[in-house]
Amino acid sequence: MFLPNTGFSDCYVDYKAKKNNPLRLHYGISKINTDFCENRNAIALDLESRLQSSGWILLKLLDVFGNEGIDERKDSAGIYFLKY
């Protein structure tokens, strides 16, 4: 779900990504440029290039959120919290 930017001071996206051979999946959270908060395509392009540098393929953007969503998601992201 993508909501219009409601004045986030920081902007984050959670996502799912994969690698093939062998198949590996991960859930992660990335900090994104606040100019991208309202633009799903810009977020995807930026995140795809970051992930691709390590061989990951973006599967799905899940949600865009501000600082208020970090605490409830941080543990789920594990080592992929703010890695890309």
PDB file of N, CA and C in Angstrom:
ATOM      1  N   MET A   1       0.842  -1.180   0.000  1.00  0.00           N
ATOM      2  CA  MET A   1       0.000   0.000   0.000  1.00  0.00           C
ATOM      3  C   MET A   1       0.880   1.234   0.000  1.00  0.00           C
ATOM      4  N   PHE A   2       0.646   2.143  -0.912  1.00  0.00           N
ATOM      5  CA  PHE A   2       1.440   3.353  -1.002  1.00  0.00           C
ATOM      6  C   PHE A   2       0.559   4.549  -0.723  1.00  0.00           C
ATOM      7  N   LEU A   3       0.927   5.295   0.280  1.00  0.00           N
ATOM      8  CA  LEU A   3       0.159   6.462   0.681  1.00  0.00           C
ATOM      9  C   LEU A   3       0.892   7.722   0.275  1.00  0.00           C
ATOM     10  N   PRO A   4       0.162   8.787   0.021  1.00  0.00           N
ATOM     11  CA  PRO A   4       0.835  10.057  -0.273  1.00  0.00           C
ATOM     12  C   PRO A   4       1.724  10.456   0.892  1.00  0.00           C
ATOM     13  N   ASN A   5       2.798  11.126   0.578  1.00  0.00           N
ATOM     14  CA  ASN A   5       3.715  11.614   1.603  1.00  0.00           C
ATOM     15  C   ASN A   5       2.966  12.555   2.525  1.00  0.00           C
ATOM     16  N   THR A   6       2.958  12.219   3.785  1.00  0.00           N
ATOM     17  CA  THR A   6       2.273  13.055   4.765  1.00  0.00           C
ATOM     18  C   THR A   6       3.291  13.831   5.587  1.00  0.00           C
ATOM     19  N   GLY A   7       4.368  14.240   4.946  1.00  0.00           N
ATOM     20  CA  GLY A   7       5.379  15.025   5.634  1.00  0.00           C
ATOM     21  C   GLY A   7       6.381  14.192   6.402  1.00  0.00           C
ATOM     22  N   PHE A   8       6.677  12.972   5.946  1.00  0.00           N
ATOM     23  CA  PHE A   8       7.679  12.158   6.619  1.00  0.00           C
ATOM     24  C   PHE A   8       9.002  12.913   6.644  1.00  0.00           C
ATOM     25  N   SER A   9       9.646  12.939   7.807  1.00  0.00           N
ATOM     26  CA  SER A   9      10.988  13.513   7.859  1.00  0.00           C
ATOM     27  C   SER A   9      11.988  12.503   7.304  1.00  0.00           C
ATOM     28  N   ASP A  10      11.700  11.232   7.490  1.00  0.00           N
ATOM     29  CA  ASP A  10      12.464  10.141   6.896  1.00  0.00           C
ATOM     30  C   ASP A  10      11.469   9.223   6.212  1.00  0.00           C
ATOM     31  N   CYS A  11      11.907   8.591   5.155  1.00  0.00           N
ATOM     32  CA  CYS A  11      11.005   7.746   4.371  1.00  0.00           C
ATOM     33  C   CYS A  11      11.661   6.379   4.173  1.00  0.00           C
ATOM     34  N   TYR A  12      10.903   5.318   4.416  1.00  0.00           N
ATOM     35  CA  TYR A  12      11.396   3.955   4.326  1.00  0.00           C
ATOM     36  C   TYR A  12      10.448   3.122   3.472  1.00  0.00           C
ATOM     37  N   VAL A  13      10.972   2.044   2.918  1.00  0.00           N
ATOM     38  CA  VAL A  13      10.156   1.079   2.180  1.00  0.00           C
ATOM     39  C   VAL A  13      10.527  -0.308   2.672  1.00  0.00           C
ATOM     40  N   ASP A  14       9.526  -1.170   2.834  1.00  0.00           N
ATOM     41  CA  ASP A  14       9.851  -2.572   3.076  1.00  0.00           C
ATOM     42  C   ASP A  14       9.536  -3.340   1.803  1.00  0.00           C
ATOM     43  N   TYR A  15      10.278  -4.412   1.590  1.00  0.00           N
ATOM     44  CA  TYR A  15      10.260  -5.093   0.299  1.00  0.00           C
ATOM     45  C   TYR A  15      10.612  -6.561   0.479  1.00  0.00           C
ATOM     46  N   LYS A  16      10.403  -7.325  -0.589  1.00  0.00           N
ATOM     47  CA  LYS A  16      10.846  -8.714  -0.666  1.00  0.00           C
ATOM     48  C   LYS A  16      11.774  -8.837  -1.870  1.00  0.00           C
ATOM     49  N   ALA A  17      12.840  -9.635  -1.715  1.00  0.00           N
ATOM     50  CA  ALA A  17      13.814  -9.826  -2.788  1.00  0.00           C
ATOM     51  C   ALA A  17      14.245 -11.291  -2.830  1.00  0.00           C
ATOM     52  N   LYS A  18      14.863 -11.682  -3.962  1.00  0.00           N
ATOM     53  CA  LYS A  18      15.326 -13.062  -4.104  1.00  0.00           C
ATOM     54  C   LYS A  18      16.653 -13.120  -4.845  1.00  0.00           C
ATOM     55  N   LYS A  19      17.317 -14.261  -4.674  1.00  0.00           N
ATOM     56  CA  LYS A  19      18.472 -14.669  -5.477  1.00  0.00           C
ATOM     57  C   LYS A  19      18.153 -16.065  -5.982  1.00  0.00           C
ATOM     58  N   ASN A  20      18.668 -16.397  -7.148  1.00  0.00           N
ATOM     59  CA  ASN A  20      18.463 -17.726  -7.714  1.00  0.00           C
ATOM     60  C   ASN A  20      19.721 -18.579  -7.596  1.00  0.00           C
ATOM     61  N   ASN A  21      19.543 -19.884  -7.723  1.00  0.00           N
ATOM     62  CA  ASN A  21      20.638 -20.875  -7.796  1.00  0.00           C
ATOM     63  C   ASN A  21      21.632 -20.801  -6.649  1.00  0.00           C
ATOM     64  N   PRO A  22      21.331 -21.208  -5.483  1.00  0.00           N
ATOM     65  CA  PRO A  22      20.042 -21.703  -5.020  1.00  0.00           C
ATOM     66  C   PRO A  22      19.110 -20.542  -4.675  1.00  0.00           C
ATOM     67  N   LEU A  23      17.824 -20.836  -4.665  1.00  0.00           N
ATOM     68  CA  LEU A  23      16.829 -19.819  -4.347  1.00  0.00           C
ATOM     69  C   LEU A  23      16.995 -19.361  -2.913  1.00  0.00           C
ATOM     70  N   ARG A  24      17.109 -18.054  -2.744  1.00  0.00           N
ATOM     71  CA  ARG A  24      17.152 -17.426  -1.417  1.00  0.00           C
ATOM     72  C   ARG A  24      16.218 -16.239  -1.451  1.00  0.00           C
ATOM     73  N   LEU A  25      15.506 -16.024  -0.364  1.00  0.00           N
ATOM     74  CA  LEU A  25      14.564 -14.917  -0.247  1.00  0.00           C
ATOM     75  C   LEU A  25      14.919 -14.073   0.961  1.00  0.00           C
ATOM     76  N   HIS A  26      14.598 -12.781   0.884  1.00  0.00           N
ATOM     77  CA  HIS A  26      14.720 -11.967   2.084  1.00  0.00           C
ATOM     78  C   HIS A  26      13.689 -10.849   2.094  1.00  0.00           C
ATOM     79  N   TYR A  27      13.378 -10.437   3.311  1.00  0.00           N
ATOM     80  CA  TYR A  27      12.525  -9.284   3.584  1.00  0.00           C
ATOM     81  C   TYR A  27      13.450  -8.219   4.120  1.00  0.00           C
ATOM     82  N   GLY A  28      13.337  -6.999   3.616  1.00  0.00           N
ATOM     83  CA  GLY A  28      14.209  -5.943   4.087  1.00  0.00           C
ATOM     84  C   GLY A  28      13.514  -4.603   4.168  1.00  0.00           C
ATOM     85  N   ILE A  29      14.208  -3.679   4.770  1.00  0.00           N
ATOM     86  CA  ILE A  29      13.756  -2.288   4.895  1.00  0.00           C
ATOM     87  C   ILE A  29      14.884  -1.403   4.414  1.00  0.00           C
ATOM     88  N   SER A  30      14.543  -0.442   3.554  1.00  0.00           N
ATOM     89  CA  SER A  30      15.529   0.515   3.051  1.00  0.00           C
ATOM     90  C   SER A  30      15.044   1.932   3.283  1.00  0.00           C
ATOM     91  N   LYS A  31      15.980   2.790   3.585  1.00  0.00           N
ATOM     92  CA  LYS A  31      15.675   4.211   3.662  1.00  0.00           C
ATOM     93  C   LYS A  31      15.718   4.755   2.244  1.00  0.00           C
ATOM     94  N   ILE A  32      14.743   5.559   1.894  1.00  0.00           N
ATOM     95  CA  ILE A  32      14.681   6.106   0.543  1.00  0.00           C
ATOM     96  C   ILE A  32      14.661   7.624   0.594  1.00  0.00           C
ATOM     97  N   ASN A  33      15.029   8.213  -0.515  1.00  0.00           N
ATOM     98  CA  ASN A  33      15.006   9.661  -0.669  1.00  0.00           C
ATOM     99  C   ASN A  33      13.581  10.145  -0.476  1.00  0.00           C
ATOM    100  N   THR A  34      13.370  11.150   0.360  1.00  0.00           N
ATOM    101  CA  THR A  34      12.009  11.626   0.632  1.00  0.00           C
ATOM    102  C   THR A  34      11.334  12.161  -0.625  1.00  0.00           C
ATOM    103  N   ASP A  35      12.102  12.521  -1.644  1.00  0.00           N
ATOM    104  CA  ASP A  35      11.502  12.956  -2.914  1.00  0.00           C
ATOM    105  C   ASP A  35      10.778  11.804  -3.608  1.00  0.00           C
ATOM    106  N   PHE A  36      11.135  10.550  -3.257  1.00  0.00           N
ATOM    107  CA  PHE A  36      10.549   9.375  -3.895  1.00  0.00           C
ATOM    108  C   PHE A  36       9.312   8.851  -3.162  1.00  0.00           C
ATOM    109  N   CYS A  37       9.011   9.360  -1.987  1.00  0.00           N
ATOM    110  CA  CYS A  37       7.969   8.775  -1.137  1.00  0.00           C
ATOM    111  C   CYS A  37       6.637   8.568  -1.852  1.00  0.00           C
ATOM    112  N   GLU A  38       6.309   9.404  -2.783  1.00  0.00           N
ATOM    113  CA  GLU A  38       5.018   9.315  -3.465  1.00  0.00           C
ATOM    114  C   GLU A  38       5.124   8.676  -4.844  1.00  0.00           C
ATOM    115  N   ASN A  39       6.304   8.209  -5.231  1.00  0.00           N
ATOM    116  CA  ASN A  39       6.492   7.719  -6.588  1.00  0.00           C
ATOM    117  C   ASN A  39       6.967   6.268  -6.563  1.00  0.00           C
ATOM    118  N   ARG A  40       6.042   5.347  -6.752  1.00  0.00           N
ATOM    119  CA  ARG A  40       6.344   3.912  -6.692  1.00  0.00           C
ATOM    120  C   ARG A  40       7.415   3.513  -7.709  1.00  0.00           C
ATOM    121  N   ASN A  41       7.359   4.062  -8.910  1.00  0.00           N
ATOM    122  CA  ASN A  41       8.338   3.710  -9.936  1.00  0.00           C
ATOM    123  C   ASN A  41       9.741   4.166  -9.554  1.00  0.00           C
ATOM    124  N   ALA A  42       9.857   5.365  -9.016  1.00  0.00           N
ATOM    125  CA  ALA A  42      11.163   5.874  -8.599  1.00  0.00           C
ATOM    126  C   ALA A  42      11.736   5.033  -7.456  1.00  0.00           C
ATOM    127  N   ILE A  43      10.883   4.639  -6.524  1.00  0.00           N
ATOM    128  CA  ILE A  43      11.329   3.790  -5.414  1.00  0.00           C
ATOM    129  C   ILE A  43      11.844   2.456  -5.958  1.00  0.00           C
ATOM    130  N   ALA A  44      11.073   1.847  -6.845  1.00  0.00           N
ATOM    131  CA  ALA A  44      11.454   0.540  -7.404  1.00  0.00           C
ATOM    132  C   ALA A  44      12.769   0.626  -8.165  1.00  0.00           C
ATOM    133  N   LEU A  45      12.935   1.640  -8.998  1.00  0.00           N
ATOM    134  CA  LEU A  45      14.177   1.783  -9.768  1.00  0.00           C
ATOM    135  C   LEU A  45      15.384   1.971  -8.856  1.00  0.00           C
ATOM    136  N   ASP A  46      15.226   2.809  -7.853  1.00  0.00           N
ATOM    137  CA  ASP A  46      16.325   3.058  -6.923  1.00  0.00           C
ATOM    138  C   ASP A  46      16.681   1.789  -6.149  1.00  0.00           C
ATOM    139  N   LEU A  47      15.679   1.126  -5.623  1.00  0.00           N
ATOM    140  CA  LEU A  47      15.923  -0.076  -4.830  1.00  0.00           C
ATOM    141  C   LEU A  47      16.446  -1.226  -5.689  1.00  0.00           C
ATOM    142  N   GLU A  48      15.915  -1.376  -6.904  1.00  0.00           N
ATOM    143  CA  GLU A  48      16.413  -2.419  -7.806  1.00  0.00           C
ATOM    144  C   GLU A  48      17.907  -2.272  -8.052  1.00  0.00           C
ATOM    145  N   SER A  49      18.369  -1.058  -8.277  1.00  0.00           N
ATOM    146  CA  SER A  49      19.800  -0.863  -8.544  1.00  0.00           C
ATOM    147  C   SER A  49      20.641  -1.153  -7.301  1.00  0.00           C
ATOM    148  N   ARG A  50      20.141  -0.815  -6.135  1.00  0.00           N
ATOM    149  CA  ARG A  50      20.883  -1.108  -4.902  1.00  0.00           C
ATOM    150  C   ARG A  50      20.984  -2.621  -4.676  1.00  0.00           C
ATOM    151  N   LEU A  51      19.866  -3.309  -4.845  1.00  0.00           N
ATOM    152  CA  LEU A  51      19.847  -4.757  -4.631  1.00  0.00           C
ATOM    153  C   LEU A  51      20.684  -5.489  -5.674  1.00  0.00           C
ATOM    154  N   GLN A  52      20.585  -5.046  -6.924  1.00  0.00           N
ATOM    155  CA  GLN A  52      21.290  -5.706  -8.021  1.00  0.00           C
ATOM    156  C   GLN A  52      22.798  -5.712  -7.806  1.00  0.00           C
ATOM    157  N   SER A  53      23.321  -4.706  -7.134  1.00  0.00           N
ATOM    158  CA  SER A  53      24.764  -4.643  -6.895  1.00  0.00           C
ATOM    159  C   SER A  53      25.260  -5.841  -6.078  1.00  0.00           C
ATOM    160  N   SER A  54      24.346  -6.499  -5.363  1.00  0.00           N
ATOM    161  CA  SER A  54      24.701  -7.695  -4.593  1.00  0.00           C
ATOM    162  C   SER A  54      24.030  -8.954  -5.133  1.00  0.00           C
ATOM    163  N   GLY A  55      23.480  -8.866  -6.332  1.00  0.00           N
ATOM    164  CA  GLY A  55      22.886 -10.035  -6.966  1.00  0.00           C
ATOM    165  C   GLY A  55      21.447 -10.331  -6.589  1.00  0.00           C
ATOM    166  N   TRP A  56      20.793  -9.435  -5.864  1.00  0.00           N
ATOM    167  CA  TRP A  56      19.400  -9.636  -5.467  1.00  0.00           C
ATOM    168  C   TRP A  56      18.463  -9.068  -6.526  1.00  0.00           C
ATOM    169  N   ILE A  57      17.280  -9.664  -6.625  1.00  0.00           N
ATOM    170  CA  ILE A  57      16.236  -9.222  -7.549  1.00  0.00           C
ATOM    171  C   ILE A  57      15.035  -8.771  -6.720  1.00  0.00           C
ATOM    172  N   LEU A  58      14.574  -7.556  -6.936  1.00  0.00           N
ATOM    173  CA  LEU A  58      13.406  -7.047  -6.228  1.00  0.00           C
ATOM    174  C   LEU A  58      12.166  -7.809  -6.679  1.00  0.00           C
ATOM    175  N   LEU A  59      11.436  -8.365  -5.724  1.00  0.00           N
ATOM    176  CA  LEU A  59      10.197  -9.075  -6.028  1.00  0.00           C
ATOM    177  C   LEU A  59       8.971  -8.180  -5.832  1.00  0.00           C
ATOM    178  N   LYS A  60       8.969  -7.443  -4.716  1.00  0.00           N
ATOM    179  CA  LYS A  60       7.769  -6.683  -4.390  1.00  0.00           C
ATOM    180  C   LYS A  60       8.074  -5.564  -3.406  1.00  0.00           C
ATOM    181  N   LEU A  61       7.527  -4.389  -3.679  1.00  0.00           N
ATOM    182  CA  LEU A  61       7.523  -3.307  -2.706  1.00  0.00           C
ATOM    183  C   LEU A  61       6.280  -3.499  -1.852  1.00  0.00           C
ATOM    184  N   LEU A  62       6.426  -3.405  -0.556  1.00  0.00           N
ATOM    185  CA  LEU A  62       5.290  -3.662   0.326  1.00  0.00           C
ATOM    186  C   LEU A  62       4.626  -2.379   0.806  1.00  0.00           C
ATOM    187  N   ASP A  63       5.372  -1.508   1.466  1.00  0.00           N
ATOM    188  CA  ASP A  63       4.771  -0.318   2.062  1.00  0.00           C
ATOM    189  C   ASP A  63       5.812   0.793   2.162  1.00  0.00           C
ATOM    190  N   VAL A  64       5.348   2.010   2.124  1.00  0.00           N
ATOM    191  CA  VAL A  64       6.178   3.189   2.360  1.00  0.00           C
ATOM    192  C   VAL A  64       5.716   3.783   3.680  1.00  0.00           C
ATOM    193  N   PHE A  65       6.657   4.097   4.542  1.00  0.00           N
ATOM    194  CA  PHE A  65       6.296   4.571   5.870  1.00  0.00           C
ATOM    195  C   PHE A  65       7.374   5.496   6.420  1.00  0.00           C
ATOM    196  N   GLY A  66       7.054   6.158   7.493  1.00  0.00           N
ATOM    197  CA  GLY A  66       7.998   7.052   8.165  1.00  0.00           C
ATOM    198  C   GLY A  66       8.569   6.384   9.403  1.00  0.00           C
ATOM    199  N   ASN A  67       9.175   7.184  10.258  1.00  0.00           N
ATOM    200  CA  ASN A  67       9.805   6.668  11.475  1.00  0.00           C
ATOM    201  C   ASN A  67       8.844   5.861  12.350  1.00  0.00           C
ATOM    202  N   GLU A  68       7.552   6.179  12.281  1.00  0.00           N
ATOM    203  CA  GLU A  68       6.582   5.507  13.141  1.00  0.00           C
ATOM    204  C   GLU A  68       6.428   4.021  12.810  1.00  0.00           C
ATOM    205  N   GLY A  69       6.881   3.583  11.639  1.00  0.00           N
ATOM    206  CA  GLY A  69       6.741   2.176  11.273  1.00  0.00           C
ATOM    207  C   GLY A  69       7.978   1.334  11.492  1.00  0.00           C
ATOM    208  N   ILE A  70       9.061   1.952  11.906  1.00  0.00           N
ATOM    209  CA  ILE A  70      10.343   1.239  12.042  1.00  0.00           C
ATOM    210  C   ILE A  70      10.312   0.174  13.136  1.00  0.00           C
ATOM    211  N   ASP A  71       9.907   0.525  14.325  1.00  0.00           N
ATOM    212  CA  ASP A  71      10.000  -0.394  15.462  1.00  0.00           C
ATOM    213  C   ASP A  71       9.258  -1.699  15.237  1.00  0.00           C
ATOM    214  N   GLU A  72       8.083  -1.641  14.632  1.00  0.00           N
ATOM    215  CA  GLU A  72       7.297  -2.859  14.441  1.00  0.00           C
ATOM    216  C   GLU A  72       7.846  -3.764  13.342  1.00  0.00           C
ATOM    217  N   ARG A  73       8.730  -3.240  12.482  1.00  0.00           N
ATOM    218  CA  ARG A  73       9.256  -4.014  11.349  1.00  0.00           C
ATOM    219  C   ARG A  73      10.727  -4.405  11.485  1.00  0.00           C
ATOM    220  N   LYS A  74      11.455  -3.706  12.324  1.00  0.00           N
ATOM    221  CA  LYS A  74      12.913  -3.859  12.395  1.00  0.00           C
ATOM    222  C   LYS A  74      13.354  -5.297  12.641  1.00  0.00           C
ATOM    223  N   ASP A  75      12.770  -5.974  13.599  1.00  0.00           N
ATOM    224  CA  ASP A  75      13.182  -7.347  13.912  1.00  0.00           C
ATOM    225  C   ASP A  75      12.940  -8.294  12.744  1.00  0.00           C
ATOM    226  N   SER A  76      11.852  -8.098  12.014  1.00  0.00           N
ATOM    227  CA  SER A  76      11.541  -8.964  10.872  1.00  0.00           C
ATOM    228  C   SER A  76      12.580  -8.828   9.763  1.00  0.00           C
ATOM    229  N   ALA A  77      13.159  -7.653   9.624  1.00  0.00           N
ATOM    230  CA  ALA A  77      14.144  -7.423   8.562  1.00  0.00           C
ATOM    231  C   ALA A  77      15.510  -8.002   8.907  1.00  0.00           C
ATOM    232  N   GLY A  78      15.793  -8.182  10.167  1.00  0.00           N
ATOM    233  CA  GLY A  78      17.067  -8.781  10.598  1.00  0.00           C
ATOM    234  C   GLY A  78      18.266  -8.079   9.961  1.00  0.00           C
ATOM    235  N   ILE A  79      19.150  -8.858   9.313  1.00  0.00           N
ATOM    236  CA  ILE A  79      20.374  -8.290   8.728  1.00  0.00           C
ATOM    237  C   ILE A  79      20.085  -7.398   7.534  1.00  0.00           C
ATOM    238  N   TYR A  80      18.853  -7.443   7.028  1.00  0.00           N
ATOM    239  CA  TYR A  80      18.491  -6.621   5.874  1.00  0.00           C
ATOM    240  C   TYR A  80      17.796  -5.325   6.277  1.00  0.00           C
ATOM    241  N   PHE A  81      17.918  -4.966   7.550  1.00  0.00           N
ATOM    242  CA  PHE A  81      17.407  -3.689   8.028  1.00  0.00           C
ATOM    243  C   PHE A  81      18.394  -2.597   7.616  1.00  0.00           C
ATOM    244  N   LEU A  82      17.985  -1.756   6.699  1.00  0.00           N
ATOM    245  CA  LEU A  82      18.772  -0.625   6.193  1.00  0.00           C
ATOM    246  C   LEU A  82      20.076  -1.059   5.515  1.00  0.00           C
ATOM    247  N   LYS A  83      20.155  -2.310   5.042  1.00  0.00           N
ATOM    248  CA  LYS A  83      21.364  -2.780   4.363  1.00  0.00           C
ATOM    249  C   LYS A  83      21.449  -2.214   2.950  1.00  0.00           C
ATOM    250  N   TYR A  84      20.322  -2.084   2.268  1.00  0.00           N
ATOM    251  CA  TYR A  84      20.323  -1.583   0.889  1.00  0.00           C
ATOM    252  C   TYR A  84      19.565  -0.283   0.780  1.00  0.00           C
TER     253      TYR A  84
END
